[in-house]
Amino acid sequence: MWTHEEVIETSATPAQVWELFADVARWKDWNAGIESIHIHGPFKAGTAFTMQPPGQDAINSTLLEVKPNESFTDETVVDETRVLVSHKLVPLASGMTKIIYSTEITGPGAADFGPMVTSDFADVLASLKRLAEQQ
């Protein structure tokens, strides 16, 4: 198993960040690793979405858990490799919000696949923070 966690704090509220999470069509506004994306239903557990990274094949994923204003987890399976990414919003006593991306990858390609999946997460979180703070 391969794991990774990326964290950033923002002055945006959990609701402001959640608004961006739930609007899947806008993910490409703060994630340069997405050329296009389409969700196949409402933003709730069990709904699938298709994401097209620049210059790569489309990736099919499924929302496993969705807790509005708190967290969501998506799953992507490629061959025998399973990628789980949890996106959490933690309100802090200071009034800030902590955004946490936790990744768990299992399967024969986990160690190779992990860095490819998470290499841009710091940039993604920085862009998400900027956009959420402009809400």
C-alpha atoms as a PDB file:
ATOM      1  CA  MET A   1       0.000   0.000   0.000  1.00  0.00           C
ATOM      2  CA  TRP A   2       1.161   3.528  -0.815  1.00  0.00           C
ATOM      3  CA  THR A   3      -0.152   6.577   1.076  1.00  0.00           C
ATOM      4  CA  HIS A   4       0.254  10.323   0.824  1.00  0.00           C
ATOM      5  CA  GLU A   5      -1.303  13.344   2.525  1.00  0.00           C
ATOM      6  CA  GLU A   6      -1.276  16.984   1.453  1.00  0.00           C
ATOM      7  CA  VAL A   7      -2.639  19.775   3.688  1.00  0.00           C
ATOM      8  CA  ILE A   8      -3.288  23.497   3.334  1.00  0.00           C
ATOM      9  CA  GLU A   9      -5.126  26.052   5.479  1.00  0.00           C
ATOM     10  CA  THR A  10      -7.465  28.687   4.085  1.00  0.00           C
ATOM     11  CA  SER A  11      -9.495  31.605   5.392  1.00  0.00           C
ATOM     12  CA  ALA A  12     -12.428  30.299   3.321  1.00  0.00           C
ATOM     13  CA  THR A  13     -15.205  28.550   5.216  1.00  0.00           C
ATOM     14  CA  PRO A  14     -15.918  24.848   4.716  1.00  0.00           C
ATOM     15  CA  ALA A  15     -19.099  25.882   2.866  1.00  0.00           C
ATOM     16  CA  GLN A  16     -17.106  28.043   0.440  1.00  0.00           C
ATOM     17  CA  VAL A  17     -14.689  25.211  -0.322  1.00  0.00           C
ATOM     18  CA  TRP A  18     -17.532  22.701  -0.529  1.00  0.00           C
ATOM     19  CA  GLU A  19     -19.240  24.833  -3.158  1.00  0.00           C
ATOM     20  CA  LEU A  20     -16.173  24.277  -5.362  1.00  0.00           C
ATOM     21  CA  PHE A  21     -15.973  20.559  -4.553  1.00  0.00           C
ATOM     22  CA  ALA A  22     -19.652  19.984  -5.393  1.00  0.00           C
ATOM     23  CA  ASP A  23     -19.431  21.861  -8.717  1.00  0.00           C
ATOM     24  CA  VAL A  24     -17.515  19.124 -10.523  1.00  0.00           C
ATOM     25  CA  ALA A  25     -17.639  20.918 -13.888  1.00  0.00           C
ATOM     26  CA  ARG A  26     -15.445  23.652 -12.328  1.00  0.00           C
ATOM     27  CA  TRP A  27     -12.744  21.335 -10.948  1.00  0.00           C
ATOM     28  CA  LYS A  28     -10.611  22.196 -13.972  1.00  0.00           C
ATOM     29  CA  ASP A  29     -10.668  25.851 -12.805  1.00  0.00           C
ATOM     30  CA  TRP A  30      -8.422  24.933  -9.878  1.00  0.00           C
ATOM     31  CA  ASN A  31      -6.853  21.665 -11.042  1.00  0.00           C
ATOM     32  CA  ALA A  32      -4.551  22.001 -14.062  1.00  0.00           C
ATOM     33  CA  GLY A  33      -4.417  18.196 -14.243  1.00  0.00           C
ATOM     34  CA  ILE A  34      -7.975  18.144 -15.588  1.00  0.00           C
ATOM     35  CA  GLU A  35      -8.624  18.981 -19.220  1.00  0.00           C
ATOM     36  CA  SER A  36     -12.301  18.041 -19.012  1.00  0.00           C
ATOM     37  CA  ILE A  37     -14.604  16.363 -16.515  1.00  0.00           C
ATOM     38  CA  HIS A  38     -18.177  15.111 -16.503  1.00  0.00           C
ATOM     39  CA  ILE A  39     -20.212  13.821 -13.566  1.00  0.00           C
ATOM     40  CA  HIS A  40     -22.873  11.243 -14.385  1.00  0.00           C
ATOM     41  CA  GLY A  41     -25.486  12.313 -11.833  1.00  0.00           C
ATOM     42  CA  PRO A  42     -25.690  14.264  -8.577  1.00  0.00           C
ATOM     43  CA  PHE A  43     -22.699  14.836  -6.288  1.00  0.00           C
ATOM     44  CA  LYS A  44     -23.490  11.955  -3.930  1.00  0.00           C
ATOM     45  CA  ALA A  45     -22.168   8.517  -3.036  1.00  0.00           C
ATOM     46  CA  GLY A  46     -22.417   6.053  -5.899  1.00  0.00           C
ATOM     47  CA  THR A  47     -22.206   8.631  -8.680  1.00  0.00           C
ATOM     48  CA  ALA A  48     -19.522   8.121 -11.314  1.00  0.00           C
ATOM     49  CA  PHE A  49     -17.500  10.788 -13.076  1.00  0.00           C
ATOM     50  CA  THR A  50     -15.116  10.782 -16.028  1.00  0.00           C
ATOM     51  CA  MET A  51     -12.001  12.929 -15.947  1.00  0.00           C
ATOM     52  CA  GLN A  52      -9.680  13.649 -18.886  1.00  0.00           C
ATOM     53  CA  PRO A  53      -6.114  14.594 -17.898  1.00  0.00           C
ATOM     54  CA  PRO A  54      -4.219  16.567 -20.567  1.00  0.00           C
ATOM     55  CA  GLY A  55      -2.738  14.213 -23.155  1.00  0.00           C
ATOM     56  CA  GLN A  56      -3.908  11.049 -21.377  1.00  0.00           C
ATOM     57  CA  ASP A  57      -6.759   8.567 -21.567  1.00  0.00           C
ATOM     58  CA  ALA A  58      -9.959   9.384 -19.686  1.00  0.00           C
ATOM     59  CA  ILE A  59     -10.225   8.090 -16.124  1.00  0.00           C
ATOM     60  CA  ASN A  60     -13.478   6.752 -14.664  1.00  0.00           C
ATOM     61  CA  SER A  61     -14.008   7.268 -10.940  1.00  0.00           C
ATOM     62  CA  THR A  62     -16.816   6.842  -8.423  1.00  0.00           C
ATOM     63  CA  LEU A  63     -17.802   8.904  -5.396  1.00  0.00           C
ATOM     64  CA  LEU A  64     -17.761   6.441  -2.483  1.00  0.00           C
ATOM     65  CA  GLU A  65     -18.709   8.776   0.346  1.00  0.00           C
ATOM     66  CA  VAL A  66     -20.051  12.333   0.352  1.00  0.00           C
ATOM     67  CA  LYS A  67     -20.648  14.344   3.550  1.00  0.00           C
ATOM     68  CA  PRO A  68     -21.657  17.908   2.567  1.00  0.00           C
ATOM     69  CA  ASN A  69     -19.352  20.618   3.935  1.00  0.00           C
ATOM     70  CA  GLU A  70     -17.139  17.918   5.504  1.00  0.00           C
ATOM     71  CA  SER A  71     -15.633  15.399   3.090  1.00  0.00           C
ATOM     72  CA  PHE A  72     -15.863  13.229   0.037  1.00  0.00           C
ATOM     73  CA  THR A  73     -13.923  10.194  -1.112  1.00  0.00           C
ATOM     74  CA  ASP A  74     -13.515   9.004  -4.677  1.00  0.00           C
ATOM     75  CA  GLU A  75     -12.249   5.705  -6.027  1.00  0.00           C
ATOM     76  CA  THR A  76     -10.454   5.008  -9.285  1.00  0.00           C
ATOM     77  CA  VAL A  77      -9.512   1.491 -10.360  1.00  0.00           C
ATOM     78  CA  VAL A  78      -6.951   1.012 -13.132  1.00  0.00           C
ATOM     79  CA  ASP A  79      -6.308  -2.645 -13.917  1.00  0.00           C
ATOM     80  CA  GLU A  80      -5.501  -4.112 -10.482  1.00  0.00           C
ATOM     81  CA  THR A  81      -4.553  -0.804  -8.858  1.00  0.00           C
ATOM     82  CA  ARG A  82      -7.094   0.975  -6.631  1.00  0.00           C
ATOM     83  CA  VAL A  83      -6.745   4.683  -5.840  1.00  0.00           C
ATOM     84  CA  LEU A  84      -8.757   6.243  -3.007  1.00  0.00           C
ATOM     85  CA  VAL A  85      -8.579   9.998  -2.514  1.00  0.00           C
ATOM     86  CA  SER A  86     -10.266  11.536   0.511  1.00  0.00           C
ATOM     87  CA  HIS A  87     -10.907  15.290   0.514  1.00  0.00           C
ATOM     88  CA  LYS A  88     -11.588  16.607   4.039  1.00  0.00           C
ATOM     89  CA  LEU A  89     -12.540  20.025   5.390  1.00  0.00           C
ATOM     90  CA  VAL A  90     -11.696  20.657   9.039  1.00  0.00           C
ATOM     91  CA  PRO A  91     -12.840  23.921  10.669  1.00  0.00           C
ATOM     92  CA  LEU A  92     -10.171  25.254  13.025  1.00  0.00           C
ATOM     93  CA  ALA A  93     -10.634  27.250  16.236  1.00  0.00           C
ATOM     94  CA  SER A  94      -8.750  30.117  14.578  1.00  0.00           C
ATOM     95  CA  GLY A  95     -11.545  30.490  12.017  1.00  0.00           C
ATOM     96  CA  MET A  96      -9.405  28.954   9.292  1.00  0.00           C
ATOM     97  CA  THR A  97     -10.295  25.752   7.442  1.00  0.00           C
ATOM     98  CA  LYS A  98      -7.847  22.912   6.932  1.00  0.00           C
ATOM     99  CA  ILE A  99      -8.160  21.145   3.561  1.00  0.00           C
ATOM    100  CA  ILE A 100      -6.699  17.633   3.587  1.00  0.00           C
ATOM    101  CA  TYR A 101      -6.182  15.361   0.586  1.00  0.00           C
ATOM    102  CA  SER A 102      -5.376  11.817   1.732  1.00  0.00           C
ATOM    103  CA  THR A 103      -4.464   9.206  -0.859  1.00  0.00           C
ATOM    104  CA  GLU A 104      -4.294   5.436  -0.420  1.00  0.00           C
ATOM    105  CA  ILE A 105      -3.224   3.277  -3.343  1.00  0.00           C
ATOM    106  CA  THR A 106      -3.245  -0.517  -3.336  1.00  0.00           C
ATOM    107  CA  GLY A 107      -2.303  -3.057  -5.962  1.00  0.00           C
ATOM    108  CA  PRO A 108       0.771  -4.106  -7.886  1.00  0.00           C
ATOM    109  CA  GLY A 109       1.447  -0.653  -9.344  1.00  0.00           C
ATOM    110  CA  ALA A 110       0.854   1.347  -6.159  1.00  0.00           C
ATOM    111  CA  ALA A 111       4.428   2.550  -5.611  1.00  0.00           C
ATOM    112  CA  ASP A 112       4.787   3.670  -9.236  1.00  0.00           C
ATOM    113  CA  PHE A 113       1.284   5.052  -9.592  1.00  0.00           C
ATOM    114  CA  GLY A 114       1.275   7.021  -6.317  1.00  0.00           C
ATOM    115  CA  PRO A 115       3.718   9.795  -7.195  1.00  0.00           C
ATOM    116  CA  MET A 116       2.030  10.270 -10.581  1.00  0.00           C
ATOM    117  CA  VAL A 117      -1.368  10.725  -8.929  1.00  0.00           C
ATOM    118  CA  THR A 118      -0.255  13.057  -6.140  1.00  0.00           C
ATOM    119  CA  SER A 119       2.632  15.047  -7.639  1.00  0.00           C
ATOM    120  CA  ASP A 120       0.460  18.108  -8.314  1.00  0.00           C
ATOM    121  CA  PHE A 121      -1.630  18.038  -5.116  1.00  0.00           C
ATOM    122  CA  ALA A 122       0.270  20.944  -3.489  1.00  0.00           C
ATOM    123  CA  ASP A 123      -0.416  23.110  -6.558  1.00  0.00           C
ATOM    124  CA  VAL A 124      -4.032  21.916  -6.736  1.00  0.00           C
ATOM    125  CA  LEU A 125      -4.624  22.823  -3.084  1.00  0.00           C
ATOM    126  CA  ALA A 126      -2.982  26.235  -3.513  1.00  0.00           C
ATOM    127  CA  SER A 127      -5.263  26.977  -6.488  1.00  0.00           C
ATOM    128  CA  LEU A 128      -8.317  25.689  -4.618  1.00  0.00           C
ATOM    129  CA  LYS A 129      -7.433  27.917  -1.662  1.00  0.00           C
ATOM    130  CA  ARG A 130      -7.098  31.007  -3.879  1.00  0.00           C
ATOM    131  CA  LEU A 131     -10.399  30.378  -5.630  1.00  0.00           C
ATOM    132  CA  ALA A 132     -12.286  29.575  -2.403  1.00  0.00           C
ATOM    133  CA  GLU A 133     -11.016  32.763  -0.766  1.00  0.00           C
ATOM    134  CA  GLN A 134     -12.413  34.770  -3.702  1.00  0.00           C
ATOM    135  CA  GLN A 135     -15.921  33.304  -3.209  1.00  0.00           C
END
